[in-house]
Amino acid sequence: MELRHLRYFLVVAEELSFTAAAARLRISQPPLSQQIQDLETELKTPLFLRTSRKVELTSAGIAFLDHVRSILGQVGQAVEQTRAIGSGKSGKLDIGATGSVLLGPLASIIAAYRRQHPEVLVRLHEMAPLAQFDSLHARKTDISFLRSPTEDPELVSEVAWREQVWVALPTGHPLSRRDRLRLADLRNDDHVFLRLEDSPFAQYLRDCCVEAGFIPRISQQVVEAYSLTSLVAGGLGVALVPESVRHLSRRGVIYRPLCEPAPAADVKMVFRPDSNPVVARFVELARELLQAAPSLETVVARNAKSRANSNSSDDSPRTGKHEQHVVQERRRRSRVRVSE
């Protein structure tokens, strides 16, 4: 039994005329009659009662008709869904990220993507950097945004946006009187650090300290960069943090930039080279928005201000409207660049 047998049966059952059904199917009547006979032979029961005046469904034919409609409907849905997934218009997208990365433009990119592709299920997974690499290899996630250096030949890595490393100091720290610091100025301080065993970025920061002439005296280690600010506020040490973290409002903490060349905290977009069309469309949109975006400082500052306003007001939709405005502004700048 083939799908064409089911389609022929359905048309004959709807028309109750072999002549009309053949015309609708654009085939001659004898082959159609033969196909229905073959189907009845395979089912070992007649599906139609035929007379010189009319064609009627048998009781078996009526029961079979319900199943055929269901089967062909499911086949049609499967075809449409498969085509949509193949073109990147439907499916799922699993994104890995560290919590501090979400302080940058990523949330706005995801929101813009969901508006363009509402049929794609987007799931965000917050996890440590090394776990993100494992998840990509295991195909549990499709793309990651992280600061860790990437030298994996099985993965594609490109800079999504650039950040520098800043210093978080407790209020009243002697170095807070300076506008800009050298890394070596922190040689005598206790440091709170990202957990070295989980974060190649933390290992990179430690290496930067060694190159500056000292081994950091690490008092505490945490998983997320924004957790460092709580430890700094508690007086447990100073911290090297991505510049986007400084827009978190934390009493008892002040931030200072480092003298050039400052360590980089660039965020990379990492994915498999054989990624599916859903990932390809997301990467394309991310490149477009990030190219058209204003500076990271402007974006993050606006987002932080929007979050603060939302927390101090009962008017919860303000944040969503702000993100929509940012995305629209990015698209406008992109169109201007293209026209130029």
C-alpha atoms as a PDB file:
ATOM      1  CA  MET A   1       0.000   0.000   0.000  1.00  0.00           C
ATOM      2  CA  GLU A   2       1.350   3.411  -0.986  1.00  0.00           C
ATOM      3  CA  LEU A   3       0.297   6.970  -0.216  1.00  0.00           C
ATOM      4  CA  ARG A   4      -1.102   7.347  -3.732  1.00  0.00           C
ATOM      5  CA  HIS A   5      -3.585   4.559  -3.002  1.00  0.00           C
ATOM      6  CA  LEU A   6      -4.809   6.505   0.029  1.00  0.00           C
ATOM      7  CA  ARG A   7      -5.021   9.777  -1.911  1.00  0.00           C
ATOM      8  CA  TYR A   8      -6.961   8.113  -4.748  1.00  0.00           C
ATOM      9  CA  PHE A   9      -9.344   6.492  -2.269  1.00  0.00           C
ATOM     10  CA  LEU A  10      -9.938   9.817  -0.500  1.00  0.00           C
ATOM     11  CA  VAL A  11     -10.849  11.645  -3.720  1.00  0.00           C
ATOM     12  CA  VAL A  12     -13.210   8.877  -4.878  1.00  0.00           C
ATOM     13  CA  ALA A  13     -14.821   8.807  -1.403  1.00  0.00           C
ATOM     14  CA  GLU A  14     -15.355  12.567  -1.512  1.00  0.00           C
ATOM     15  CA  GLU A  15     -16.650  12.653  -5.079  1.00  0.00           C
ATOM     16  CA  LEU A  16     -18.562   9.317  -4.980  1.00  0.00           C
ATOM     17  CA  SER A  17     -17.907   9.202  -8.708  1.00  0.00           C
ATOM     18  CA  PHE A  18     -14.988   7.573 -10.501  1.00  0.00           C
ATOM     19  CA  THR A  19     -15.434   9.936 -13.446  1.00  0.00           C
ATOM     20  CA  ALA A  20     -15.360  13.069 -11.278  1.00  0.00           C
ATOM     21  CA  ALA A  21     -12.494  11.697  -9.179  1.00  0.00           C
ATOM     22  CA  ALA A  22     -10.413  10.910 -12.269  1.00  0.00           C
ATOM     23  CA  ALA A  23     -10.961  14.417 -13.593  1.00  0.00           C
ATOM     24  CA  ARG A  24      -9.965  15.927 -10.218  1.00  0.00           C
ATOM     25  CA  LEU A  25      -6.823  13.794 -10.095  1.00  0.00           C
ATOM     26  CA  ARG A  26      -6.095  14.496 -13.781  1.00  0.00           C
ATOM     27  CA  ILE A  27      -5.766  10.840 -14.672  1.00  0.00           C
ATOM     28  CA  SER A  28      -7.914   8.552 -16.808  1.00  0.00           C
ATOM     29  CA  GLN A  29     -10.647   6.525 -15.163  1.00  0.00           C
ATOM     30  CA  PRO A  30      -9.391   2.937 -15.897  1.00  0.00           C
ATOM     31  CA  PRO A  31      -6.074   3.331 -13.983  1.00  0.00           C
ATOM     32  CA  LEU A  32      -7.975   4.910 -11.083  1.00  0.00           C
ATOM     33  CA  SER A  33     -10.425   2.012 -10.937  1.00  0.00           C
ATOM     34  CA  GLN A  34      -7.507  -0.426 -11.021  1.00  0.00           C
ATOM     35  CA  GLN A  35      -5.747   1.341  -8.124  1.00  0.00           C
ATOM     36  CA  ILE A  36      -8.890   1.169  -5.993  1.00  0.00           C
ATOM     37  CA  GLN A  37      -9.312  -2.518  -6.827  1.00  0.00           C
ATOM     38  CA  ASP A  38      -5.693  -3.158  -5.818  1.00  0.00           C
ATOM     39  CA  LEU A  39      -6.345  -1.391  -2.522  1.00  0.00           C
ATOM     40  CA  GLU A  40      -9.475  -3.447  -1.865  1.00  0.00           C
ATOM     41  CA  THR A  41      -7.557  -6.634  -2.683  1.00  0.00           C
ATOM     42  CA  GLU A  42      -4.838  -5.731  -0.178  1.00  0.00           C
ATOM     43  CA  LEU A  43      -7.422  -4.903   2.484  1.00  0.00           C
ATOM     44  CA  LYS A  44      -9.413  -8.045   1.602  1.00  0.00           C
ATOM     45  CA  THR A  45     -12.706  -6.146   1.726  1.00  0.00           C
ATOM     46  CA  PRO A  46     -14.693  -3.927  -0.659  1.00  0.00           C
ATOM     47  CA  LEU A  47     -14.606  -0.207   0.060  1.00  0.00           C
ATOM     48  CA  PHE A  48     -17.258   0.890  -2.442  1.00  0.00           C
ATOM     49  CA  LEU A  49     -20.610  -0.351  -3.683  1.00  0.00           C
ATOM     50  CA  ARG A  50     -20.729   0.263  -7.430  1.00  0.00           C
ATOM     51  CA  THR A  51     -23.868   0.368  -9.584  1.00  0.00           C
ATOM     52  CA  SER A  52     -24.561   1.835 -12.984  1.00  0.00           C
ATOM     53  CA  ARG A  53     -26.175   4.846 -11.283  1.00  0.00           C
ATOM     54  CA  LYS A  54     -24.063   5.605  -8.222  1.00  0.00           C
ATOM     55  CA  VAL A  55     -21.069   4.817  -6.046  1.00  0.00           C
ATOM     56  CA  GLU A  56     -21.409   4.419  -2.273  1.00  0.00           C
ATOM     57  CA  LEU A  57     -19.015   3.666   0.570  1.00  0.00           C
ATOM     58  CA  THR A  58     -19.383   0.358   2.359  1.00  0.00           C
ATOM     59  CA  SER A  59     -19.333   0.301   6.157  1.00  0.00           C
ATOM     60  CA  ALA A  60     -15.682  -0.732   5.933  1.00  0.00           C
ATOM     61  CA  GLY A  61     -15.052   2.134   3.502  1.00  0.00           C
ATOM     62  CA  ILE A  62     -16.633   4.651   5.915  1.00  0.00           C
ATOM     63  CA  ALA A  63     -14.376   3.456   8.748  1.00  0.00           C
ATOM     64  CA  PHE A  64     -11.314   3.436   6.478  1.00  0.00           C
ATOM     65  CA  LEU A  65     -12.063   6.999   5.326  1.00  0.00           C
ATOM     66  CA  ASP A  66     -11.602   8.408   8.843  1.00  0.00           C
ATOM     67  CA  HIS A  67      -8.208   6.737   9.153  1.00  0.00           C
ATOM     68  CA  VAL A  68      -7.101   7.887   5.694  1.00  0.00           C
ATOM     69  CA  ARG A  69      -7.952  11.516   6.448  1.00  0.00           C
ATOM     70  CA  SER A  70      -5.975  11.320   9.692  1.00  0.00           C
ATOM     71  CA  ILE A  71      -2.984   9.636   8.025  1.00  0.00           C
ATOM     72  CA  LEU A  72      -2.810  12.074   5.106  1.00  0.00           C
ATOM     73  CA  GLY A  73      -3.254  14.999   7.495  1.00  0.00           C
ATOM     74  CA  GLN A  74      -0.322  13.842   9.597  1.00  0.00           C
ATOM     75  CA  VAL A  75       1.784  13.297   6.482  1.00  0.00           C
ATOM     76  CA  GLY A  76       1.008  16.836   5.338  1.00  0.00           C
ATOM     77  CA  GLN A  77       1.964  18.273   8.705  1.00  0.00           C
ATOM     78  CA  ALA A  78       5.164  16.245   8.740  1.00  0.00           C
ATOM     79  CA  VAL A  79       6.103  17.531   5.286  1.00  0.00           C
ATOM     80  CA  GLU A  80       5.449  21.173   6.233  1.00  0.00           C
ATOM     81  CA  GLN A  81       7.333  20.887   9.503  1.00  0.00           C
ATOM     82  CA  THR A  82      10.286  19.146   7.872  1.00  0.00           C
ATOM     83  CA  ARG A  83      10.507  21.823   5.183  1.00  0.00           C
ATOM     84  CA  ALA A  84      10.294  24.566   7.814  1.00  0.00           C
ATOM     85  CA  ILE A  85      13.066  22.987   9.877  1.00  0.00           C
ATOM     86  CA  GLY A  86      15.187  22.460   6.791  1.00  0.00           C
ATOM     87  CA  SER A  87      14.871  26.135   5.890  1.00  0.00           C
ATOM     88  CA  GLY A  88      15.525  27.318   9.453  1.00  0.00           C
ATOM     89  CA  LYS A  89      12.007  28.709   9.953  1.00  0.00           C
ATOM     90  CA  SER A  90      11.060  26.149  12.597  1.00  0.00           C
ATOM     91  CA  GLY A  91      12.747  23.864  15.104  1.00  0.00           C
ATOM     92  CA  LYS A  92      14.615  24.533  18.308  1.00  0.00           C
ATOM     93  CA  LEU A  93      17.688  26.505  19.305  1.00  0.00           C
ATOM     94  CA  ASP A  94      19.628  25.752  22.502  1.00  0.00           C
ATOM     95  CA  ILE A  95      21.974  28.563  23.576  1.00  0.00           C
ATOM     96  CA  GLY A  96      24.662  28.196  26.228  1.00  0.00           C
ATOM     97  CA  ALA A  97      25.924  31.240  28.113  1.00  0.00           C
ATOM     98  CA  THR A  98      27.476  32.367  31.374  1.00  0.00           C
ATOM     99  CA  GLY A  99      25.401  34.699  33.514  1.00  0.00           C
ATOM    100  CA  SER A 100      27.651  37.712  33.014  1.00  0.00           C
ATOM    101  CA  VAL A 101      27.329  37.445  29.226  1.00  0.00           C
ATOM    102  CA  LEU A 102      23.608  38.178  29.618  1.00  0.00           C
ATOM    103  CA  LEU A 103      24.540  41.658  30.864  1.00  0.00           C
ATOM    104  CA  GLY A 104      25.515  42.503  27.286  1.00  0.00           C
ATOM    105  CA  PRO A 105      23.492  42.559  24.037  1.00  0.00           C
ATOM    106  CA  LEU A 106      22.630  38.829  23.980  1.00  0.00           C
ATOM    107  CA  ALA A 107      19.149  39.222  25.485  1.00  0.00           C
ATOM    108  CA  SER A 108      18.210  41.774  22.825  1.00  0.00           C
ATOM    109  CA  ILE A 109      19.508  39.491  20.057  1.00  0.00           C
ATOM    110  CA  ILE A 110      17.423  36.573  21.341  1.00  0.00           C
ATOM    111  CA  ALA A 111      14.341  38.799  21.592  1.00  0.00           C
ATOM    112  CA  ALA A 112      14.787  40.017  18.006  1.00  0.00           C
ATOM    113  CA  TYR A 113      15.283  36.458  16.758  1.00  0.00           C
ATOM    114  CA  ARG A 114      12.115  35.241  18.487  1.00  0.00           C
ATOM    115  CA  ARG A 115      10.100  38.024  16.868  1.00  0.00           C
ATOM    116  CA  GLN A 116      11.396  37.048  13.421  1.00  0.00           C
ATOM    117  CA  HIS A 117      11.087  33.285  13.984  1.00  0.00           C
ATOM    118  CA  PRO A 118       8.225  32.623  16.420  1.00  0.00           C
ATOM    119  CA  GLU A 119       8.037  28.965  15.331  1.00  0.00           C
ATOM    120  CA  VAL A 120      11.523  28.258  16.700  1.00  0.00           C
ATOM    121  CA  LEU A 121      11.729  27.193  20.344  1.00  0.00           C
ATOM    122  CA  VAL A 122      14.649  29.082  21.926  1.00  0.00           C
ATOM    123  CA  ARG A 123      16.064  27.693  25.175  1.00  0.00           C
ATOM    124  CA  LEU A 124      18.798  29.440  27.156  1.00  0.00           C
ATOM    125  CA  HIS A 125      21.147  27.332  29.275  1.00  0.00           C
ATOM    126  CA  GLU A 126      23.265  29.091  31.897  1.00  0.00           C
ATOM    127  CA  MET A 127      26.379  27.007  32.554  1.00  0.00           C
ATOM    128  CA  ALA A 128      30.108  27.179  33.255  1.00  0.00           C
ATOM    129  CA  PRO A 129      32.432  27.712  30.264  1.00  0.00           C
ATOM    130  CA  LEU A 130      33.971  24.225  30.172  1.00  0.00           C
ATOM    131  CA  ALA A 131      30.503  22.691  30.475  1.00  0.00           C
ATOM    132  CA  GLN A 132      29.477  24.726  27.432  1.00  0.00           C
ATOM    133  CA  PHE A 133      32.212  23.166  25.307  1.00  0.00           C
ATOM    134  CA  ASP A 134      31.175  19.681  26.432  1.00  0.00           C
ATOM    135  CA  SER A 135      27.543  20.502  25.674  1.00  0.00           C
ATOM    136  CA  LEU A 136      28.384  21.686  22.156  1.00  0.00           C
ATOM    137  CA  HIS A 137      30.313  18.504  21.406  1.00  0.00           C
ATOM    138  CA  ALA A 138      27.485  16.374  22.795  1.00  0.00           C
ATOM    139  CA  ARG A 139      24.986  18.328  20.648  1.00  0.00           C
ATOM    140  CA  LYS A 140      22.981  19.284  23.715  1.00  0.00           C
ATOM    141  CA  THR A 141      23.388  22.951  22.786  1.00  0.00           C
ATOM    142  CA  ASP A 142      23.725  24.574  19.370  1.00  0.00           C
ATOM    143  CA  ILE A 143      25.671  27.762  20.090  1.00  0.00           C
ATOM    144  CA  SER A 144      27.494  29.335  23.034  1.00  0.00           C
ATOM    145  CA  PHE A 145      28.458  32.845  24.066  1.00  0.00           C
ATOM    146  CA  LEU A 146      31.480  32.887  26.338  1.00  0.00           C
ATOM    147  CA  ARG A 147      34.731  34.682  27.079  1.00  0.00           C
ATOM    148  CA  SER A 148      36.992  31.656  27.301  1.00  0.00           C
ATOM    149  CA  PRO A 149      39.700  31.251  24.641  1.00  0.00           C
ATOM    150  CA  THR A 150      38.706  28.748  21.965  1.00  0.00           C
ATOM    151  CA  GLU A 151      41.262  26.613  20.144  1.00  0.00           C
ATOM    152  CA  ASP A 152      39.028  23.639  19.437  1.00  0.00           C
ATOM    153  CA  PRO A 153      39.415  22.579  15.766  1.00  0.00           C
ATOM    154  CA  GLU A 154      35.933  21.036  15.810  1.00  0.00           C
ATOM    155  CA  LEU A 155      34.233  24.341  16.645  1.00  0.00           C
ATOM    156  CA  VAL A 156      33.853  27.694  14.898  1.00  0.00           C
ATOM    157  CA  SER A 157      34.590  30.766  17.020  1.00  0.00           C
ATOM    158  CA  GLU A 158      34.194  34.452  16.205  1.00  0.00           C
ATOM    159  CA  VAL A 159      34.118  37.601  18.308  1.00  0.00           C
ATOM    160  CA  ALA A 160      30.554  38.670  19.006  1.00  0.00           C
ATOM    161  CA  TRP A 161      31.372  41.883  20.873  1.00  0.00           C
ATOM    162  CA  ARG A 162      34.423  43.316  22.591  1.00  0.00           C
ATOM    163  CA  GLU A 163      34.902  44.188  26.246  1.00  0.00           C
ATOM    164  CA  GLN A 164      37.845  45.087  28.437  1.00  0.00           C
ATOM    165  CA  VAL A 165      38.633  43.989  31.980  1.00  0.00           C
ATOM    166  CA  TRP A 166      37.926  46.461  34.787  1.00  0.00           C
ATOM    167  CA  VAL A 167      38.789  46.357  38.489  1.00  0.00           C
ATOM    168  CA  ALA A 168      36.106  46.124  41.170  1.00  0.00           C
ATOM    169  CA  LEU A 169      37.261  47.724  44.434  1.00  0.00           C
ATOM    170  CA  PRO A 170      35.562  48.003  47.816  1.00  0.00           C
ATOM    171  CA  THR A 171      34.481  51.544  48.680  1.00  0.00           C
ATOM    172  CA  GLY A 172      37.260  53.383  50.473  1.00  0.00           C
ATOM    173  CA  HIS A 173      40.065  51.352  48.936  1.00  0.00           C
ATOM    174  CA  PRO A 174      43.221  53.533  48.571  1.00  0.00           C
ATOM    175  CA  LEU A 175      43.348  52.849  44.813  1.00  0.00           C
ATOM    176  CA  SER A 176      39.822  54.249  44.366  1.00  0.00           C
ATOM    177  CA  ARG A 177      41.302  57.765  44.328  1.00  0.00           C
ATOM    178  CA  ARG A 178      42.877  57.024  40.940  1.00  0.00           C
ATOM    179  CA  ASP A 179      40.972  57.317  37.673  1.00  0.00           C
ATOM    180  CA  ARG A 180      42.828  54.437  36.012  1.00  0.00           C
ATOM    181  CA  LEU A 181      44.930  51.596  37.408  1.00  0.00           C
ATOM    182  CA  ARG A 182      47.795  49.405  36.329  1.00  0.00           C
ATOM    183  CA  LEU A 183      47.422  45.679  36.851  1.00  0.00           C
ATOM    184  CA  ALA A 184      50.603  45.699  38.936  1.00  0.00           C
ATOM    185  CA  ASP A 185      48.918  48.112  41.378  1.00  0.00           C
ATOM    186  CA  LEU A 186      46.903  45.127  42.663  1.00  0.00           C
ATOM    187  CA  ARG A 187      49.927  43.035  43.676  1.00  0.00           C
ATOM    188  CA  ASN A 188      49.418  43.565  47.431  1.00  0.00           C
ATOM    189  CA  ASP A 189      45.658  42.918  47.488  1.00  0.00           C
ATOM    190  CA  ASP A 190      43.651  39.805  48.122  1.00  0.00           C
ATOM    191  CA  HIS A 191      41.756  38.751  44.996  1.00  0.00           C
ATOM    192  CA  VAL A 192      38.365  37.138  44.538  1.00  0.00           C
ATOM    193  CA  PHE A 193      38.417  35.123  41.351  1.00  0.00           C
ATOM    194  CA  LEU A 194      36.310  33.083  39.003  1.00  0.00           C
ATOM    195  CA  ARG A 195      36.805  29.390  39.695  1.00  0.00           C
ATOM    196  CA  LEU A 196      40.000  28.435  37.904  1.00  0.00           C
ATOM    197  CA  GLU A 197      39.028  24.806  37.319  1.00  0.00           C
ATOM    198  CA  ASP A 198      35.875  25.818  35.415  1.00  0.00           C
ATOM    199  CA  SER A 199      36.955  28.949  33.579  1.00  0.00           C
ATOM    200  CA  PRO A 200      39.738  29.305  30.992  1.00  0.00           C
ATOM    201  CA  PHE A 201      38.956  33.041  31.201  1.00  0.00           C
ATOM    202  CA  ALA A 202      39.924  33.007  34.895  1.00  0.00           C
ATOM    203  CA  GLN A 203      43.136  31.185  33.993  1.00  0.00           C
ATOM    204  CA  TYR A 204      43.807  33.890  31.399  1.00  0.00           C
ATOM    205  CA  LEU A 205      43.336  36.630  34.017  1.00  0.00           C
ATOM    206  CA  ARG A 206      45.730  34.872  36.383  1.00  0.00           C
ATOM    207  CA  ASP A 207      48.293  34.655  33.568  1.00  0.00           C
ATOM    208  CA  CYS A 208      47.869  38.396  32.942  1.00  0.00           C
ATOM    209  CA  CYS A 209      48.691  39.048  36.595  1.00  0.00           C
ATOM    210  CA  VAL A 210      51.801  36.878  36.318  1.00  0.00           C
ATOM    211  CA  GLU A 211      52.891  38.812  33.238  1.00  0.00           C
ATOM    212  CA  ALA A 212      52.396  42.012  35.251  1.00  0.00           C
ATOM    213  CA  GLY A 213      54.903  40.711  37.797  1.00  0.00           C
ATOM    214  CA  PHE A 214      52.863  39.058  40.564  1.00  0.00           C
ATOM    215  CA  ILE A 215      50.873  35.950  41.401  1.00  0.00           C
ATOM    216  CA  PRO A 216      47.398  36.976  42.592  1.00  0.00           C
ATOM    217  CA  ARG A 217      46.640  36.073  46.193  1.00  0.00           C
ATOM    218  CA  ILE A 218      43.239  34.433  45.722  1.00  0.00           C
ATOM    219  CA  SER A 219      41.025  34.426  48.805  1.00  0.00           C
ATOM    220  CA  GLN A 220      37.781  33.116  47.275  1.00  0.00           C
ATOM    221  CA  GLN A 221      36.588  31.604  43.971  1.00  0.00           C
ATOM    222  CA  VAL A 222      33.066  31.702  42.498  1.00  0.00           C
ATOM    223  CA  VAL A 223      31.346  30.495  39.318  1.00  0.00           C
ATOM    224  CA  GLU A 224      29.824  33.731  38.004  1.00  0.00           C
ATOM    225  CA  ALA A 225      31.420  37.129  37.443  1.00  0.00           C
ATOM    226  CA  TYR A 226      28.536  39.072  38.988  1.00  0.00           C
ATOM    227  CA  SER A 227      28.988  37.061  42.225  1.00  0.00           C
ATOM    228  CA  LEU A 228      32.414  38.629  42.565  1.00  0.00           C
ATOM    229  CA  THR A 229      30.878  42.019  43.350  1.00  0.00           C
ATOM    230  CA  SER A 230      29.194  40.664  46.499  1.00  0.00           C
ATOM    231  CA  LEU A 231      32.543  39.401  47.770  1.00  0.00           C
ATOM    232  CA  VAL A 232      34.221  42.700  46.935  1.00  0.00           C
ATOM    233  CA  ALA A 233      31.500  44.608  48.787  1.00  0.00           C
ATOM    234  CA  GLY A 234      32.047  42.330  51.773  1.00  0.00           C
ATOM    235  CA  GLY A 235      35.729  43.260  51.876  1.00  0.00           C
ATOM    236  CA  LEU A 236      37.124  39.903  50.790  1.00  0.00           C
ATOM    237  CA  GLY A 237      39.344  41.378  48.089  1.00  0.00           C
ATOM    238  CA  VAL A 238      39.449  43.098  44.711  1.00  0.00           C
ATOM    239  CA  ALA A 239      38.216  41.523  41.500  1.00  0.00           C
ATOM    240  CA  LEU A 240      39.003  41.623  37.799  1.00  0.00           C
ATOM    241  CA  VAL A 241      35.657  41.706  35.988  1.00  0.00           C
ATOM    242  CA  PRO A 242      34.333  42.217  32.442  1.00  0.00           C
ATOM    243  CA  GLU A 243      33.385  45.840  31.910  1.00  0.00           C
ATOM    244  CA  SER A 244      29.683  45.020  31.516  1.00  0.00           C
ATOM    245  CA  VAL A 245      29.613  43.873  35.162  1.00  0.00           C
ATOM    246  CA  ARG A 246      30.289  47.424  36.331  1.00  0.00           C
ATOM    247  CA  HIS A 247      26.768  48.398  35.348  1.00  0.00           C
ATOM    248  CA  LEU A 248      25.365  46.199  38.099  1.00  0.00           C
ATOM    249  CA  SER A 249      24.222  48.363  40.964  1.00  0.00           C
ATOM    250  CA  ARG A 250      26.077  47.153  44.069  1.00  0.00           C
ATOM    251  CA  ARG A 251      26.505  49.277  47.188  1.00  0.00           C
ATOM    252  CA  GLY A 252      30.029  49.229  48.501  1.00  0.00           C
ATOM    253  CA  VAL A 253      31.722  48.602  45.142  1.00  0.00           C
ATOM    254  CA  ILE A 254      33.406  51.018  42.752  1.00  0.00           C
ATOM    255  CA  TYR A 255      34.964  50.264  39.376  1.00  0.00           C
ATOM    256  CA  ARG A 256      38.106  51.529  37.709  1.00  0.00           C
ATOM    257  CA  PRO A 257      39.462  50.857  34.189  1.00  0.00           C
ATOM    258  CA  LEU A 258      42.918  49.469  33.569  1.00  0.00           C
ATOM    259  CA  CYS A 259      45.650  51.242  31.648  1.00  0.00           C
ATOM    260  CA  GLU A 260      46.195  50.112  28.072  1.00  0.00           C
ATOM    261  CA  PRO A 261      46.824  47.485  26.999  1.00  0.00           C
ATOM    262  CA  ALA A 262      44.135  46.170  29.308  1.00  0.00           C
ATOM    263  CA  PRO A 263      43.269  42.450  29.370  1.00  0.00           C
ATOM    264  CA  ALA A 264      40.439  41.621  26.991  1.00  0.00           C
ATOM    265  CA  ALA A 265      37.058  40.210  28.043  1.00  0.00           C
ATOM    266  CA  ASP A 266      35.716  39.738  24.520  1.00  0.00           C
ATOM    267  CA  VAL A 267      32.629  37.564  24.129  1.00  0.00           C
ATOM    268  CA  LYS A 268      32.886  34.859  21.472  1.00  0.00           C
ATOM    269  CA  MET A 269      30.127  33.182  19.528  1.00  0.00           C
ATOM    270  CA  VAL A 270      30.986  29.460  19.308  1.00  0.00           C
ATOM    271  CA  PHE A 271      29.137  26.826  17.288  1.00  0.00           C
ATOM    272  CA  ARG A 272      29.696  23.648  15.296  1.00  0.00           C
ATOM    273  CA  PRO A 273      30.665  24.046  11.624  1.00  0.00           C
ATOM    274  CA  ASP A 274      27.904  21.613  10.621  1.00  0.00           C
ATOM    275  CA  SER A 275      25.209  23.622  12.392  1.00  0.00           C
ATOM    276  CA  ASN A 276      21.650  23.391  11.087  1.00  0.00           C
ATOM    277  CA  PRO A 277      19.765  26.213   9.278  1.00  0.00           C
ATOM    278  CA  VAL A 278      18.189  27.402  12.548  1.00  0.00           C
ATOM    279  CA  VAL A 279      21.644  28.170  13.943  1.00  0.00           C
ATOM    280  CA  ALA A 280      22.744  29.743  10.663  1.00  0.00           C
ATOM    281  CA  ARG A 281      19.795  32.164  10.721  1.00  0.00           C
ATOM    282  CA  PHE A 282      20.514  33.090  14.354  1.00  0.00           C
ATOM    283  CA  VAL A 283      24.198  33.710  13.635  1.00  0.00           C
ATOM    284  CA  GLU A 284      23.299  35.836  10.610  1.00  0.00           C
ATOM    285  CA  LEU A 285      20.921  37.990  12.666  1.00  0.00           C
ATOM    286  CA  ALA A 286      23.420  38.306  15.537  1.00  0.00           C
ATOM    287  CA  ARG A 287      26.113  39.535  13.141  1.00  0.00           C
ATOM    288  CA  GLU A 288      23.713  42.039  11.626  1.00  0.00           C
ATOM    289  CA  LEU A 289      22.570  43.469  14.968  1.00  0.00           C
ATOM    290  CA  LEU A 290      26.017  43.550  16.539  1.00  0.00           C
ATOM    291  CA  GLN A 291      27.504  45.288  13.513  1.00  0.00           C
ATOM    292  CA  ALA A 292      24.787  47.937  13.673  1.00  0.00           C
ATOM    293  CA  ALA A 293      24.867  48.256  17.457  1.00  0.00           C
ATOM    294  CA  PRO A 294      26.171  51.312  19.303  1.00  0.00           C
ATOM    295  CA  SER A 295      29.092  50.810  21.666  1.00  0.00           C
ATOM    296  CA  LEU A 296      28.775  48.154  24.332  1.00  0.00           C
ATOM    297  CA  GLU A 297      28.965  50.823  27.024  1.00  0.00           C
ATOM    298  CA  THR A 298      25.925  52.594  25.598  1.00  0.00           C
ATOM    299  CA  VAL A 299      23.876  49.411  25.155  1.00  0.00           C
ATOM    300  CA  VAL A 300      24.667  48.011  28.591  1.00  0.00           C
ATOM    301  CA  ALA A 301      24.154  51.337  30.340  1.00  0.00           C
ATOM    302  CA  ARG A 302      20.728  51.735  28.716  1.00  0.00           C
ATOM    303  CA  ASN A 303      19.753  48.170  29.596  1.00  0.00           C
ATOM    304  CA  ALA A 304      20.886  48.663  33.195  1.00  0.00           C
ATOM    305  CA  LYS A 305      18.922  51.925  33.440  1.00  0.00           C
ATOM    306  CA  SER A 306      15.870  50.204  31.980  1.00  0.00           C
ATOM    307  CA  ARG A 307      16.119  47.375  34.507  1.00  0.00           C
ATOM    308  CA  ALA A 308      16.479  49.864  37.344  1.00  0.00           C
ATOM    309  CA  ASN A 309      13.421  51.801  36.196  1.00  0.00           C
ATOM    310  CA  SER A 310      11.454  48.573  35.876  1.00  0.00           C
ATOM    311  CA  ASN A 311      12.388  47.509  39.408  1.00  0.00           C
ATOM    312  CA  SER A 312      11.296  50.845  40.853  1.00  0.00           C
ATOM    313  CA  SER A 313       7.989  50.971  39.009  1.00  0.00           C
ATOM    314  CA  ASP A 314       4.927  48.797  38.602  1.00  0.00           C
ATOM    315  CA  ASP A 315       4.932  49.488  34.866  1.00  0.00           C
ATOM    316  CA  SER A 316       6.571  46.162  33.889  1.00  0.00           C
ATOM    317  CA  PRO A 317       6.260  46.483  30.073  1.00  0.00           C
ATOM    318  CA  ARG A 318       8.850  49.298  29.976  1.00  0.00           C
ATOM    319  CA  THR A 319      11.811  46.923  29.661  1.00  0.00           C
ATOM    320  CA  GLY A 320      10.272  45.105  26.706  1.00  0.00           C
ATOM    321  CA  LYS A 321       9.550  48.378  24.908  1.00  0.00           C
ATOM    322  CA  HIS A 322      13.109  49.522  25.535  1.00  0.00           C
ATOM    323  CA  GLU A 323      14.597  46.325  24.081  1.00  0.00           C
ATOM    324  CA  GLN A 324      12.331  46.671  21.047  1.00  0.00           C
ATOM    325  CA  HIS A 325      13.548  50.242  20.552  1.00  0.00           C
ATOM    326  CA  VAL A 326      17.208  49.115  20.735  1.00  0.00           C
ATOM    327  CA  VAL A 327      16.659  46.396  18.113  1.00  0.00           C
ATOM    328  CA  GLN A 328      14.741  48.755  15.824  1.00  0.00           C
ATOM    329  CA  GLU A 329      17.534  51.314  16.115  1.00  0.00           C
ATOM    330  CA  ARG A 330      20.120  48.659  15.226  1.00  0.00           C
ATOM    331  CA  ARG A 331      18.132  47.634  12.158  1.00  0.00           C
ATOM    332  CA  ARG A 332      17.780  51.266  11.082  1.00  0.00           C
ATOM    333  CA  ARG A 333      21.544  51.790  11.329  1.00  0.00           C
ATOM    334  CA  SER A 334      22.132  48.571   9.408  1.00  0.00           C
ATOM    335  CA  ARG A 335      19.855  49.691   6.562  1.00  0.00           C
ATOM    336  CA  VAL A 336      21.637  53.041   6.420  1.00  0.00           C
ATOM    337  CA  ARG A 337      25.008  51.305   6.122  1.00  0.00           C
ATOM    338  CA  VAL A 338      23.770  49.036   3.365  1.00  0.00           C
ATOM    339  CA  SER A 339      22.318  51.957   1.404  1.00  0.00           C
ATOM    340  CA  GLU A 340      25.647  53.744   1.673  1.00  0.00           C
END
